Amino acid sequence: MVLGLSLTATLIAVYFSPSAEGNDVVLSARANKVESRVNNTSSKVKSSSSNSIEVLTVRARDWDEEEDASVFATSDWTPPKAALKPLESVEQTVAQEPQAPPVPFQVMGRYVENGKITVFLQYNDQNLVARVGDTLVESYKVEGLDGGVMTLRYLPMNVQQTLQIGGAI
């Protein structure tokens, strides 16, 4: 039933559509250019070979290059290359000493029992317990706890750093 209705609707639409030879259709300026070029080319072919059969051939387009240049133009999506640094800034970078990264621990609290101080630290999503002499995350050694300051040594570079743990102990 649906197929029959679809076929009927299609036939009615074809019957009432404008004819190809009629002037009911208005072409755009670009379509008029293309149509005139096609007509000129086909008349040249017919006049040059009136006795031969007309055969489709592949020919180069003679359209304006600026008009259609963007149709097949390539796009460069790569980011621009970074400009080279001046020689002076490179020398300054080399001359600077490497520095240890900032201390990655956050103090969560402390505990004192029999004069021994224990500090609770957070590193990423881990909770750590630190005492004097402990090595934390294989890179930091606790060297001392004096006056609310924890002294750490960054082992890969042998640099001393401090961490405020709050209040005098």
Protein backbone atom coordinates (compact mmCIF):
# COMPACT_ATOMS: atom_id res chain seq x y z
CA MET A 1 0.00 0.00 0.00
CA VAL A 2 2.79 2.43 0.99
CA LEU A 3 4.80 1.50 -2.10
CA GLY A 4 1.80 2.16 -4.37
CA LEU A 5 1.19 5.59 -2.79
CA SER A 6 4.87 6.48 -3.18
CA LEU A 7 4.83 5.50 -6.85
CA THR A 8 1.64 7.50 -7.48
CA ALA A 9 3.08 10.58 -5.75
CA THR A 10 6.29 10.31 -7.80
CA LEU A 11 4.38 10.05 -11.10
CA ILE A 12 2.23 13.07 -10.23
CA ALA A 13 5.35 15.11 -9.31
CA VAL A 14 7.01 14.18 -12.62
CA TYR A 15 3.89 15.07 -14.62
CA PHE A 16 3.60 18.55 -13.06
CA SER A 17 7.34 19.35 -13.05
CA PRO A 18 8.55 22.10 -15.43
CA SER A 19 9.78 20.97 -18.80
CA ALA A 20 13.47 21.02 -19.63
CA GLU A 21 12.93 23.28 -22.66
CA GLY A 22 10.66 25.72 -20.88
CA ASN A 23 11.80 29.06 -19.48
CA ASP A 24 10.31 28.31 -16.07
CA VAL A 25 13.73 27.71 -14.53
CA VAL A 26 15.98 30.69 -13.82
CA LEU A 27 19.68 29.89 -13.84
CA SER A 28 22.25 31.64 -11.68
CA ALA A 29 25.00 33.78 -13.24
CA ARG A 30 27.54 30.97 -12.81
CA ALA A 31 25.22 28.41 -14.39
CA ASN A 32 24.68 30.75 -17.35
CA LYS A 33 28.48 31.02 -17.83
CA VAL A 34 28.86 27.25 -17.76
CA GLU A 35 25.93 26.75 -20.13
CA SER A 36 27.30 29.28 -22.62
CA ARG A 37 30.74 27.64 -22.53
CA VAL A 38 29.21 24.20 -23.07
CA ASN A 39 27.15 25.52 -25.99
CA ASN A 40 30.21 27.23 -27.53
CA THR A 41 32.30 24.08 -27.15
CA SER A 42 29.63 21.79 -28.58
CA SER A 43 29.09 24.11 -31.58
CA LYS A 44 32.85 24.09 -32.26
CA VAL A 45 32.91 20.31 -32.12
CA LYS A 46 29.88 20.01 -34.43
CA SER A 47 31.29 22.47 -36.97
CA SER A 48 34.73 20.89 -37.04
CA SER A 49 33.48 17.35 -37.44
CA SER A 50 30.17 17.54 -39.25
CA ASN A 51 30.66 14.18 -40.93
CA SER A 52 31.87 12.29 -37.86
CA ILE A 53 29.92 10.99 -34.90
CA GLU A 54 30.09 13.20 -31.79
CA VAL A 55 32.08 11.42 -29.09
CA LEU A 56 32.61 12.56 -25.53
CA THR A 57 36.20 13.59 -24.90
CA VAL A 58 38.06 14.67 -21.83
CA ARG A 59 39.20 18.27 -22.13
CA ALA A 60 40.91 20.68 -19.79
CA ARG A 61 38.64 23.23 -18.16
CA ASP A 62 38.94 26.79 -19.40
CA TRP A 63 37.28 28.39 -16.39
CA ASP A 64 38.83 31.27 -14.53
CA GLU A 65 41.52 29.99 -12.22
CA GLU A 66 40.83 32.56 -9.52
CA GLU A 67 37.16 31.62 -9.54
CA ASP A 68 37.77 27.94 -8.80
CA ALA A 69 41.19 28.03 -7.13
CA SER A 70 39.77 27.43 -3.67
CA VAL A 71 37.79 24.34 -4.70
CA PHE A 72 40.76 21.99 -4.84
CA ALA A 73 43.26 24.04 -2.88
CA THR A 74 45.20 22.20 -0.20
CA SER A 75 45.06 23.33 3.39
CA ASP A 76 48.05 23.28 5.67
CA TRP A 77 46.91 22.26 9.16
CA THR A 78 50.32 21.95 10.75
CA PRO A 79 51.10 24.55 13.40
CA PRO A 80 53.75 27.11 12.52
CA LYS A 81 57.25 26.13 13.50
CA ALA A 82 58.56 27.79 16.63
CA ALA A 83 60.92 30.63 16.03
CA LEU A 84 64.51 29.96 16.92
CA LYS A 85 65.62 31.47 20.21
CA PRO A 86 68.32 34.09 20.06
CA LEU A 87 71.78 32.81 20.91
CA GLU A 88 71.93 34.94 24.08
CA SER A 89 68.87 33.32 25.66
CA VAL A 90 70.23 29.84 24.86
CA GLU A 91 73.50 30.71 26.61
CA GLN A 92 71.57 32.01 29.63
CA THR A 93 69.56 28.79 29.78
CA VAL A 94 72.71 26.70 29.70
CA ALA A 95 74.37 28.88 32.34
CA GLN A 96 71.53 28.46 34.87
CA GLU A 97 71.97 25.69 37.38
CA PRO A 98 69.35 22.99 37.41
CA GLN A 99 66.96 23.39 40.32
CA ALA A 100 65.13 20.82 42.35
CA PRO A 101 61.37 20.61 41.82
CA PRO A 102 59.09 22.08 44.49
CA VAL A 103 58.36 19.80 47.44
CA PRO A 104 55.40 17.62 46.35
CA PHE A 105 54.09 16.89 49.87
CA GLN A 106 51.17 18.40 51.76
CA VAL A 107 51.12 18.28 55.56
CA MET A 108 48.08 16.53 56.99
CA GLY A 109 49.13 16.59 60.63
CA ARG A 110 51.73 15.56 63.22
CA TYR A 111 51.97 13.38 66.27
CA VAL A 112 54.41 13.54 69.19
CA GLU A 113 54.99 10.54 71.44
CA ASN A 114 57.86 10.21 73.97
CA GLY A 115 59.68 13.12 72.31
CA LYS A 116 59.61 11.48 68.87
CA ILE A 117 57.83 13.47 66.18
CA THR A 118 55.83 11.82 63.43
CA VAL A 119 54.46 13.89 60.53
CA PHE A 120 51.62 12.73 58.29
CA LEU A 121 52.01 13.80 54.68
CA GLN A 122 50.00 13.44 51.50
CA TYR A 123 51.71 12.71 48.17
CA ASN A 124 49.37 12.54 45.15
CA ASP A 125 46.72 10.11 46.46
CA GLN A 126 48.98 8.36 49.01
CA ASN A 127 49.21 9.03 52.74
CA LEU A 128 52.75 8.87 54.13
CA VAL A 129 54.19 8.74 57.65
CA ALA A 130 57.51 10.60 57.99
CA ARG A 131 60.11 10.51 60.81
CA VAL A 132 63.67 11.81 60.92
CA GLY A 133 65.87 9.50 58.82
CA ASP A 134 63.05 8.14 56.61
CA THR A 135 63.27 8.18 52.83
CA LEU A 136 60.05 9.22 51.10
CA VAL A 137 59.06 8.18 47.56
CA GLU A 138 62.69 7.18 46.84
CA SER A 139 63.68 10.83 46.27
CA TYR A 140 63.38 12.71 49.56
CA LYS A 141 65.13 12.01 52.86
CA VAL A 142 63.85 13.57 56.10
CA GLU A 143 66.89 15.20 57.77
CA GLY A 144 65.28 17.09 60.60
CA LEU A 145 62.21 18.52 62.32
CA ASP A 146 62.96 21.83 64.04
CA GLY A 147 60.61 24.65 65.05
CA GLY A 148 57.68 23.74 62.76
CA VAL A 149 59.93 23.19 59.72
CA MET A 150 60.74 19.82 58.16
CA THR A 151 64.13 19.68 56.45
CA LEU A 152 64.23 17.38 53.42
CA ARG A 153 67.04 16.46 51.05
CA TYR A 154 66.20 15.91 47.39
CA LEU A 155 68.45 12.90 46.71
CA PRO A 156 68.84 13.00 42.88
CA MET A 157 70.43 16.47 43.08
CA ASN A 158 71.57 16.44 46.73
CA VAL A 159 69.67 19.69 47.40
CA GLN A 160 68.26 20.63 50.79
CA GLN A 161 64.62 21.83 50.91
CA THR A 162 62.22 22.78 53.69
CA LEU A 163 58.53 22.20 54.31
CA GLN A 164 56.45 24.18 56.78
CA ILE A 165 54.54 21.80 59.05
CA GLY A 166 53.03 24.50 61.24
CA GLY A 167 53.71 25.62 64.84
CA ALA A 168 56.81 25.00 66.92
CA ILE A 169 57.37 21.39 67.90
